[in-house]
Amino acid sequence: MSEYCIIGMEIPLESLSLSTFDPAHAQPPYLTTPRSLEACRIHGINPIELVEIPFDEFRKDFANDVDAAQRRYDRIDGARRKILASGTLIIQN
């Protein structure tokens, strides 16, 4: 398990990999395992792109246009789901 130091304290860092990634409850750091980070790097994907963004966040940008918010949400969330469902991010041994 990885560790890092904060003001003289060693705190264990949880292993976060693509196999345990939960896009609905992700918080930084999103991924910590070397193979998961390498898989993202190889495919040009920033791990934050895998995090689910609630529709209400899109409504904030389009407060007077729910249809525009829905189209943007569908486009961005659809791309995120496609990446996760496609198996593109394969962890190589």
N, C-alpha and C. Protein backbone atom coordinates (compact mmCIF):
# COMPACT_ATOMS: atom_id res chain seq x y z
N MET A 1 0.84 -1.17 0.00
CA MET A 1 0.00 0.00 0.00
C MET A 1 0.89 1.24 0.00
N SER A 2 0.55 2.24 -0.77
CA SER A 2 1.31 3.48 -0.82
C SER A 2 1.04 4.32 0.41
N GLU A 3 2.00 5.16 0.73
CA GLU A 3 1.82 6.07 1.86
C GLU A 3 2.33 7.43 1.46
N TYR A 4 1.83 8.46 2.10
CA TYR A 4 2.37 9.78 1.91
C TYR A 4 2.43 10.48 3.26
N CYS A 5 3.18 11.56 3.33
CA CYS A 5 3.45 12.21 4.60
C CYS A 5 2.79 13.58 4.66
N ILE A 6 2.08 13.85 5.73
CA ILE A 6 1.49 15.17 5.97
C ILE A 6 1.99 15.62 7.34
N ILE A 7 2.79 16.64 7.35
CA ILE A 7 3.33 17.22 8.57
C ILE A 7 3.81 16.12 9.53
N GLY A 8 4.68 15.28 9.02
CA GLY A 8 5.29 14.26 9.86
C GLY A 8 4.44 13.03 10.12
N MET A 9 3.22 12.98 9.59
CA MET A 9 2.35 11.82 9.80
C MET A 9 2.29 11.00 8.53
N GLU A 10 2.43 9.70 8.67
CA GLU A 10 2.27 8.82 7.52
C GLU A 10 0.82 8.33 7.50
N ILE A 11 0.15 8.57 6.39
CA ILE A 11 -1.25 8.18 6.24
C ILE A 11 -1.33 7.18 5.09
N PRO A 12 -1.87 6.00 5.32
CA PRO A 12 -1.97 5.03 4.22
C PRO A 12 -2.91 5.54 3.13
N LEU A 13 -2.47 5.37 1.90
CA LEU A 13 -3.27 5.79 0.75
C LEU A 13 -3.95 4.55 0.17
N GLU A 14 -5.27 4.58 0.11
CA GLU A 14 -6.05 3.45 -0.38
C GLU A 14 -5.73 3.18 -1.84
N SER A 15 -5.63 1.90 -2.20
CA SER A 15 -5.41 1.54 -3.60
C SER A 15 -6.71 1.74 -4.36
N LEU A 16 -6.70 2.67 -5.29
CA LEU A 16 -7.88 2.96 -6.11
C LEU A 16 -7.54 2.62 -7.54
N SER A 17 -8.22 1.60 -8.07
CA SER A 17 -7.92 1.14 -9.43
C SER A 17 -9.18 1.19 -10.28
N LEU A 18 -9.00 0.96 -11.57
CA LEU A 18 -10.14 0.92 -12.49
C LEU A 18 -11.10 -0.20 -12.12
N SER A 19 -10.59 -1.27 -11.56
CA SER A 19 -11.47 -2.40 -11.22
C SER A 19 -12.35 -2.09 -10.00
N THR A 20 -11.97 -1.11 -9.18
CA THR A 20 -12.78 -0.76 -8.01
C THR A 20 -13.39 0.63 -8.14
N PHE A 21 -13.18 1.29 -9.27
CA PHE A 21 -13.63 2.66 -9.48
C PHE A 21 -15.15 2.75 -9.48
N ASP A 22 -15.69 3.68 -8.69
CA ASP A 22 -17.13 3.92 -8.64
C ASP A 22 -17.36 5.37 -9.07
N PRO A 23 -17.78 5.59 -10.34
CA PRO A 23 -17.91 6.95 -10.85
C PRO A 23 -18.91 7.82 -10.11
N ALA A 24 -19.87 7.22 -9.44
CA ALA A 24 -20.88 8.00 -8.74
C ALA A 24 -20.39 8.51 -7.38
N HIS A 25 -19.35 7.90 -6.85
CA HIS A 25 -18.86 8.28 -5.53
C HIS A 25 -17.37 8.56 -5.52
N ALA A 26 -16.82 8.95 -6.64
CA ALA A 26 -15.39 9.19 -6.74
C ALA A 26 -15.01 10.54 -6.14
N GLN A 27 -13.88 10.53 -5.44
CA GLN A 27 -13.31 11.74 -4.88
C GLN A 27 -11.80 11.67 -5.09
N PRO A 28 -11.15 12.82 -5.20
CA PRO A 28 -9.70 12.80 -5.41
C PRO A 28 -8.99 12.11 -4.25
N PRO A 29 -7.92 11.40 -4.50
CA PRO A 29 -7.43 11.03 -5.82
C PRO A 29 -8.32 9.95 -6.42
N TYR A 30 -8.58 10.03 -7.71
CA TYR A 30 -9.51 9.12 -8.36
C TYR A 30 -8.91 7.74 -8.57
N LEU A 31 -7.67 7.70 -8.99
CA LEU A 31 -6.95 6.45 -9.19
C LEU A 31 -5.56 6.59 -8.59
N THR A 32 -5.07 5.50 -7.98
CA THR A 32 -3.74 5.56 -7.38
C THR A 32 -2.83 4.41 -7.83
N THR A 33 -3.39 3.38 -8.42
CA THR A 33 -2.55 2.25 -8.79
C THR A 33 -1.81 2.54 -10.09
N PRO A 34 -0.54 2.14 -10.16
CA PRO A 34 0.27 2.44 -11.35
C PRO A 34 -0.32 1.92 -12.65
N ARG A 35 -0.88 0.71 -12.65
CA ARG A 35 -1.42 0.15 -13.90
C ARG A 35 -2.66 0.91 -14.37
N SER A 36 -3.52 1.33 -13.44
CA SER A 36 -4.71 2.10 -13.82
C SER A 36 -4.32 3.47 -14.36
N LEU A 37 -3.36 4.11 -13.70
CA LEU A 37 -2.89 5.41 -14.17
C LEU A 37 -2.23 5.29 -15.54
N GLU A 38 -1.47 4.22 -15.74
CA GLU A 38 -0.81 4.00 -17.03
C GLU A 38 -1.84 3.72 -18.13
N ALA A 39 -2.88 2.95 -17.82
CA ALA A 39 -3.93 2.68 -18.81
C ALA A 39 -4.59 3.98 -19.25
N CYS A 40 -4.86 4.86 -18.31
CA CYS A 40 -5.45 6.16 -18.65
C CYS A 40 -4.49 6.98 -19.50
N ARG A 41 -3.21 7.00 -19.10
CA ARG A 41 -2.21 7.77 -19.84
C ARG A 41 -2.09 7.28 -21.27
N ILE A 42 -2.01 5.98 -21.46
CA ILE A 42 -1.87 5.39 -22.80
C ILE A 42 -3.03 5.80 -23.70
N HIS A 43 -4.22 5.85 -23.15
CA HIS A 43 -5.42 6.17 -23.94
C HIS A 43 -5.79 7.65 -23.92
N GLY A 44 -4.94 8.46 -23.30
CA GLY A 44 -5.17 9.91 -23.30
C GLY A 44 -6.38 10.33 -22.50
N ILE A 45 -6.65 9.63 -21.42
CA ILE A 45 -7.82 9.93 -20.60
C ILE A 45 -7.36 10.43 -19.24
N ASN A 46 -7.90 11.57 -18.85
CA ASN A 46 -7.64 12.10 -17.51
C ASN A 46 -8.63 11.39 -16.58
N PRO A 47 -8.17 10.81 -15.47
CA PRO A 47 -9.09 10.09 -14.57
C PRO A 47 -10.31 10.90 -14.14
N ILE A 48 -10.20 12.21 -14.10
CA ILE A 48 -11.37 13.03 -13.70
C ILE A 48 -12.49 12.93 -14.74
N GLU A 49 -12.15 12.57 -15.99
CA GLU A 49 -13.17 12.41 -17.03
C GLU A 49 -14.07 11.22 -16.78
N LEU A 50 -13.67 10.33 -15.88
CA LEU A 50 -14.46 9.13 -15.57
C LEU A 50 -15.47 9.36 -14.45
N VAL A 51 -15.37 10.51 -13.80
CA VAL A 51 -16.24 10.81 -12.67
C VAL A 51 -17.61 11.28 -13.17
N GLU A 52 -18.65 10.73 -12.56
CA GLU A 52 -20.01 11.10 -12.91
C GLU A 52 -20.34 12.50 -12.39
N ILE A 53 -20.87 13.34 -13.26
CA ILE A 53 -21.28 14.69 -12.88
C ILE A 53 -22.80 14.72 -12.83
N PRO A 54 -23.37 15.08 -11.69
CA PRO A 54 -24.83 15.10 -11.58
C PRO A 54 -25.46 16.12 -12.54
N PHE A 55 -26.65 15.80 -13.03
CA PHE A 55 -27.36 16.68 -13.96
C PHE A 55 -27.53 18.08 -13.39
N ASP A 56 -27.74 18.20 -12.09
CA ASP A 56 -27.93 19.52 -11.46
C ASP A 56 -26.75 20.44 -11.69
N GLU A 57 -25.56 19.90 -11.84
CA GLU A 57 -24.39 20.74 -12.13
C GLU A 57 -24.52 21.38 -13.51
N PHE A 58 -25.10 20.68 -14.46
CA PHE A 58 -25.30 21.22 -15.80
C PHE A 58 -26.42 22.26 -15.79
N ARG A 59 -27.40 22.06 -14.92
CA ARG A 59 -28.50 23.02 -14.80
C ARG A 59 -28.00 24.37 -14.32
N LYS A 60 -26.94 24.38 -13.52
CA LYS A 60 -26.39 25.64 -13.02
C LYS A 60 -25.87 26.50 -14.17
N ASP A 61 -25.28 25.84 -15.17
CA ASP A 61 -24.74 26.58 -16.33
C ASP A 61 -25.83 27.04 -17.29
N PHE A 62 -26.97 26.35 -17.29
CA PHE A 62 -28.07 26.67 -18.20
C PHE A 62 -29.36 26.82 -17.40
N ALA A 63 -29.36 27.75 -16.48
CA ALA A 63 -30.50 27.90 -15.55
C ALA A 63 -31.82 28.16 -16.26
N ASN A 64 -31.79 28.83 -17.41
CA ASN A 64 -33.02 29.17 -18.12
C ASN A 64 -33.30 28.28 -19.32
N ASP A 65 -32.47 27.26 -19.52
CA ASP A 65 -32.63 26.40 -20.69
C ASP A 65 -32.35 24.94 -20.32
N VAL A 66 -33.38 24.27 -19.83
CA VAL A 66 -33.25 22.89 -19.39
C VAL A 66 -32.88 21.97 -20.54
N ASP A 67 -33.40 22.26 -21.75
CA ASP A 67 -33.07 21.43 -22.91
C ASP A 67 -31.58 21.49 -23.23
N ALA A 68 -31.00 22.68 -23.17
CA ALA A 68 -29.57 22.83 -23.43
C ALA A 68 -28.76 22.09 -22.37
N ALA A 69 -29.20 22.18 -21.12
CA ALA A 69 -28.52 21.47 -20.04
C ALA A 69 -28.60 19.96 -20.26
N GLN A 70 -29.76 19.48 -20.69
CA GLN A 70 -29.94 18.05 -20.94
C GLN A 70 -29.06 17.57 -22.10
N ARG A 71 -28.99 18.36 -23.18
CA ARG A 71 -28.15 17.98 -24.33
C ARG A 71 -26.68 17.90 -23.92
N ARG A 72 -26.22 18.89 -23.16
CA ARG A 72 -24.81 18.89 -22.73
C ARG A 72 -24.55 17.71 -21.79
N TYR A 73 -25.45 17.46 -20.86
CA TYR A 73 -25.31 16.33 -19.95
C TYR A 73 -25.27 15.02 -20.74
N ASP A 74 -26.19 14.85 -21.69
CA ASP A 74 -26.23 13.62 -22.48
C ASP A 74 -24.93 13.40 -23.25
N ARG A 75 -24.39 14.49 -23.81
CA ARG A 75 -23.16 14.38 -24.59
C ARG A 75 -21.97 14.01 -23.70
N ILE A 76 -21.81 14.72 -22.60
CA ILE A 76 -20.66 14.48 -21.73
C ILE A 76 -20.78 13.17 -20.97
N ASP A 77 -21.95 12.91 -20.41
CA ASP A 77 -22.12 11.66 -19.67
C ASP A 77 -22.11 10.46 -20.61
N GLY A 78 -22.63 10.63 -21.81
CA GLY A 78 -22.58 9.55 -22.79
C GLY A 78 -21.15 9.17 -23.15
N ALA A 79 -20.30 10.16 -23.33
CA ALA A 79 -18.89 9.90 -23.64
C ALA A 79 -18.21 9.19 -22.47
N ARG A 80 -18.52 9.62 -21.26
CA ARG A 80 -17.95 8.98 -20.06
C ARG A 80 -18.39 7.52 -19.96
N ARG A 81 -19.67 7.29 -20.16
CA ARG A 81 -20.19 5.92 -20.09
C ARG A 81 -19.60 5.03 -21.19
N LYS A 82 -19.41 5.62 -22.36
CA LYS A 82 -18.85 4.87 -23.48
C LYS A 82 -17.43 4.40 -23.16
N ILE A 83 -16.64 5.29 -22.55
CA ILE A 83 -15.28 4.92 -22.18
C ILE A 83 -15.30 3.78 -21.17
N LEU A 84 -16.14 3.90 -20.15
CA LEU A 84 -16.19 2.88 -19.11
C LEU A 84 -16.74 1.55 -19.63
N ALA A 85 -17.73 1.59 -20.52
CA ALA A 85 -18.37 0.38 -21.01
C ALA A 85 -17.58 -0.33 -22.10
N SER A 86 -16.75 0.42 -22.81
CA SER A 86 -16.07 -0.14 -23.98
C SER A 86 -14.93 -1.08 -23.62
N GLY A 87 -14.45 -0.99 -22.40
CA GLY A 87 -13.29 -1.80 -22.04
C GLY A 87 -12.01 -1.22 -22.60
N THR A 88 -12.06 0.03 -23.06
CA THR A 88 -10.89 0.68 -23.61
C THR A 88 -9.76 0.72 -22.61
N LEU A 89 -10.12 0.97 -21.37
CA LEU A 89 -9.11 1.08 -20.32
C LEU A 89 -8.83 -0.30 -19.72
N ILE A 90 -8.05 -1.06 -20.44
CA ILE A 90 -7.69 -2.40 -20.00
C ILE A 90 -6.39 -2.30 -19.20
N ILE A 91 -6.36 -2.91 -18.06
CA ILE A 91 -5.15 -2.93 -17.23
C ILE A 91 -4.28 -4.07 -17.71
N GLN A 92 -3.11 -3.73 -18.21
CA GLN A 92 -2.16 -4.73 -18.71
C GLN A 92 -1.27 -5.21 -17.58
N ASN A 93 -1.02 -6.49 -17.51
CA ASN A 93 -0.08 -7.05 -16.51
C ASN A 93 1.33 -6.97 -17.03
